[in-house]
């Protein structure tokens, strides 16, 4: 669960950064 959330957050963060 924690890993899944971290992965989603990472993708969202990268998308926002880009």
N, C-alpha and C. Protein backbone atom coordinates (compact mmCIF):
# COMPACT_ATOMS: atom_id res chain seq x y z
N UNK A 1 0.84 -1.20 0.00
CA UNK A 1 0.00 0.00 0.00
C UNK A 1 0.89 1.27 0.00
N UNK A 2 1.88 1.24 0.88
CA UNK A 2 2.77 2.41 0.99
C UNK A 2 3.53 2.61 -0.32
N UNK A 3 4.01 1.49 -0.88
CA UNK A 3 4.78 1.59 -2.13
C UNK A 3 3.89 2.12 -3.26
N UNK A 4 2.66 1.64 -3.31
CA UNK A 4 1.75 2.06 -4.38
C UNK A 4 1.51 3.57 -4.29
N UNK A 5 1.27 4.05 -3.08
CA UNK A 5 1.02 5.48 -2.90
C UNK A 5 2.26 6.28 -3.27
N UNK A 6 3.42 5.79 -2.87
CA UNK A 6 4.67 6.51 -3.17
C UNK A 6 4.86 6.57 -4.69
N UNK A 7 4.58 5.48 -5.36
CA UNK A 7 4.75 5.45 -6.82
C UNK A 7 3.83 6.46 -7.49
N UNK A 8 2.58 6.48 -7.04
CA UNK A 8 1.61 7.42 -7.64
C UNK A 8 2.03 8.85 -7.37
N UNK A 9 2.48 9.10 -6.14
CA UNK A 9 2.89 10.46 -5.77
C UNK A 9 4.09 10.87 -6.61
N UNK A 10 5.00 9.93 -6.81
CA UNK A 10 6.22 10.22 -7.59
C UNK A 10 5.82 10.61 -9.02
N UNK A 11 4.89 9.87 -9.59
CA UNK A 11 4.45 10.15 -10.96
C UNK A 11 3.79 11.52 -11.03
N UNK A 12 2.95 11.81 -10.07
CA UNK A 12 2.25 13.10 -10.05
C UNK A 12 3.26 14.23 -9.89
N UNK A 13 4.22 14.02 -8.98
CA UNK A 13 5.24 15.05 -8.74
C UNK A 13 6.05 15.30 -10.00
N UNK A 14 6.44 14.24 -10.67
CA UNK A 14 7.24 14.39 -11.90
C UNK A 14 6.41 15.10 -12.97
N UNK A 15 5.16 14.74 -13.07
CA UNK A 15 4.28 15.35 -14.08
C UNK A 15 4.16 16.85 -13.81
N UNK A 16 4.02 17.20 -12.53
CA UNK A 16 3.87 18.62 -12.17
C UNK A 16 5.18 19.36 -12.44
N UNK A 17 6.30 18.69 -12.13
CA UNK A 17 7.61 19.32 -12.35
C UNK A 17 7.82 19.57 -13.83
N UNK A 18 7.41 18.60 -14.65
CA UNK A 18 7.57 18.75 -16.11
C UNK A 18 6.49 19.71 -16.58
